[in-house]
Amino acid sequence: MSRFELLRYLDYCGEMLSLIGKIAALYAQHLNDAVVLEAVDEIEDLSNSLSHKIWQKIAIISREEGAGGAAGEPAPARKG
């Protein structure tokens, strides 16, 4: 996998985790079950933690790229 493909893959993984957390929140939006709400909180915490680790990897790869990586490969889209 090229550096560009790896960055794109990690970016997509981060987006997928974001969607999972949002879907979990939407699922529990109209429920008052304590067990479900606790599970949703755990899903959101886990997806946020994994997303943070993914963005750390993206930052490391991008830093290496800036220090002499492959030229001509576009940088991944950044989260705002």
C-alpha atoms as a PDB file:
ATOM      1  CA  MET A   1       0.000   0.000   0.000  1.00  0.00           C
ATOM      2  CA  SER A   2       1.425   3.380  -0.901  1.00  0.00           C
ATOM      3  CA  ARG A   3       1.697   6.149   1.666  1.00  0.00           C
ATOM      4  CA  PHE A   4      -1.197   7.997  -0.001  1.00  0.00           C
ATOM      5  CA  GLU A   5      -3.384   4.860   0.077  1.00  0.00           C
ATOM      6  CA  LEU A   6      -2.520   4.236   3.732  1.00  0.00           C
ATOM      7  CA  LEU A   7      -3.423   7.807   4.677  1.00  0.00           C
ATOM      8  CA  ARG A   8      -6.673   7.553   2.744  1.00  0.00           C
ATOM      9  CA  TYR A   9      -7.488   4.212   4.420  1.00  0.00           C
ATOM     10  CA  LEU A  10      -6.835   5.630   7.888  1.00  0.00           C
ATOM     11  CA  ASP A  11      -8.947   8.675   7.053  1.00  0.00           C
ATOM     12  CA  TYR A  12     -11.829   6.431   6.002  1.00  0.00           C
ATOM     13  CA  CYS A  13     -11.461   4.385   9.197  1.00  0.00           C
ATOM     14  CA  GLY A  14     -11.717   7.558  11.264  1.00  0.00           C
ATOM     15  CA  GLU A  15     -14.832   8.617   9.359  1.00  0.00           C
ATOM     16  CA  MET A  16     -16.377   5.175   9.882  1.00  0.00           C
ATOM     17  CA  LEU A  17     -15.764   5.363  13.626  1.00  0.00           C
ATOM     18  CA  SER A  18     -17.349   8.800  13.734  1.00  0.00           C
ATOM     19  CA  LEU A  19     -20.440   7.442  11.989  1.00  0.00           C
ATOM     20  CA  ILE A  20     -20.655   4.499  14.395  1.00  0.00           C
ATOM     21  CA  GLY A  21     -20.649   6.856  17.383  1.00  0.00           C
ATOM     22  CA  LYS A  22     -23.327   9.049  15.807  1.00  0.00           C
ATOM     23  CA  ILE A  23     -25.519   6.069  14.931  1.00  0.00           C
ATOM     24  CA  ALA A  24     -25.241   4.792  18.502  1.00  0.00           C
ATOM     25  CA  ALA A  25     -26.298   8.212  19.825  1.00  0.00           C
ATOM     26  CA  LEU A  26     -29.246   8.336  17.410  1.00  0.00           C
ATOM     27  CA  TYR A  27     -30.313   4.843  18.445  1.00  0.00           C
ATOM     28  CA  ALA A  28     -30.431   5.796  22.115  1.00  0.00           C
ATOM     29  CA  GLN A  29     -31.955   9.235  21.545  1.00  0.00           C
ATOM     30  CA  HIS A  30     -35.512   8.107  22.275  1.00  0.00           C
ATOM     31  CA  LEU A  31     -34.738   5.371  24.804  1.00  0.00           C
ATOM     32  CA  ASN A  32     -34.588   5.714  28.550  1.00  0.00           C
ATOM     33  CA  ASP A  33     -33.131   2.273  29.267  1.00  0.00           C
ATOM     34  CA  ALA A  34     -30.074   2.632  31.501  1.00  0.00           C
ATOM     35  CA  VAL A  35     -28.367  -0.425  30.012  1.00  0.00           C
ATOM     36  CA  VAL A  36     -28.750   0.871  26.463  1.00  0.00           C
ATOM     37  CA  LEU A  37     -27.546   4.349  27.436  1.00  0.00           C
ATOM     38  CA  GLU A  38     -24.492   2.878  29.160  1.00  0.00           C
ATOM     39  CA  ALA A  39     -23.708   0.749  26.095  1.00  0.00           C
ATOM     40  CA  VAL A  40     -24.004   3.791  23.832  1.00  0.00           C
ATOM     41  CA  ASP A  41     -21.638   5.758  26.083  1.00  0.00           C
ATOM     42  CA  GLU A  42     -19.136   2.910  25.901  1.00  0.00           C
ATOM     43  CA  ILE A  43     -19.441   2.716  22.106  1.00  0.00           C
ATOM     44  CA  GLU A  44     -18.892   6.462  21.798  1.00  0.00           C
ATOM     45  CA  ASP A  45     -15.890   6.356  24.160  1.00  0.00           C
ATOM     46  CA  LEU A  46     -14.346   3.432  22.288  1.00  0.00           C
ATOM     47  CA  SER A  47     -14.908   4.960  18.863  1.00  0.00           C
ATOM     48  CA  ASN A  48     -13.479   8.309  20.020  1.00  0.00           C
ATOM     49  CA  SER A  49     -10.417   6.589  21.478  1.00  0.00           C
ATOM     50  CA  LEU A  50      -9.794   4.563  18.317  1.00  0.00           C
ATOM     51  CA  SER A  51     -10.336   7.632  16.149  1.00  0.00           C
ATOM     52  CA  HIS A  52      -7.763   9.546  18.201  1.00  0.00           C
ATOM     53  CA  LYS A  53      -5.221   6.750  17.708  1.00  0.00           C
ATOM     54  CA  ILE A  54      -5.901   6.734  13.969  1.00  0.00           C
ATOM     55  CA  TRP A  55      -5.308  10.492  13.749  1.00  0.00           C
ATOM     56  CA  GLN A  56      -2.052  10.057  15.672  1.00  0.00           C
ATOM     57  CA  LYS A  57      -0.927   7.578  13.011  1.00  0.00           C
ATOM     58  CA  ILE A  58      -1.951   9.978  10.253  1.00  0.00           C
ATOM     59  CA  ALA A  59       0.043  12.749  11.933  1.00  0.00           C
ATOM     60  CA  ILE A  60       3.123  10.522  12.219  1.00  0.00           C
ATOM     61  CA  ILE A  61       2.926   9.457   8.574  1.00  0.00           C
ATOM     62  CA  SER A  62       2.349  13.038   7.436  1.00  0.00           C
ATOM     63  CA  ARG A  63       5.300  14.242   9.520  1.00  0.00           C
ATOM     64  CA  GLU A  64       7.551  11.602   7.932  1.00  0.00           C
ATOM     65  CA  GLU A  65       6.237  12.599   4.522  1.00  0.00           C
ATOM     66  CA  GLY A  66       7.142  16.236   5.170  1.00  0.00           C
ATOM     67  CA  ALA A  67      10.635  15.214   6.227  1.00  0.00           C
ATOM     68  CA  GLY A  68      11.437  13.663   2.873  1.00  0.00           C
ATOM     69  CA  GLY A  69       8.578  11.386   1.905  1.00  0.00           C
ATOM     70  CA  ALA A  70       7.199  10.679  -1.520  1.00  0.00           C
ATOM     71  CA  ALA A  71       6.595  13.815  -3.538  1.00  0.00           C
ATOM     72  CA  GLY A  72       3.504  14.342  -5.599  1.00  0.00           C
ATOM     73  CA  GLU A  73       1.127  12.498  -3.314  1.00  0.00           C
ATOM     74  CA  PRO A  74      -1.706  14.693  -2.062  1.00  0.00           C
ATOM     75  CA  ALA A  75      -2.153  15.177   1.646  1.00  0.00           C
ATOM     76  CA  PRO A  76      -5.277  13.677   3.243  1.00  0.00           C
ATOM     77  CA  ALA A  77      -8.245  15.859   4.071  1.00  0.00           C
ATOM     78  CA  ARG A  78      -7.973  17.258   7.578  1.00  0.00           C
ATOM     79  CA  LYS A  79     -10.704  17.247  10.156  1.00  0.00           C
ATOM     80  CA  GLY A  80     -11.741  20.671  11.255  1.00  0.00           C
END
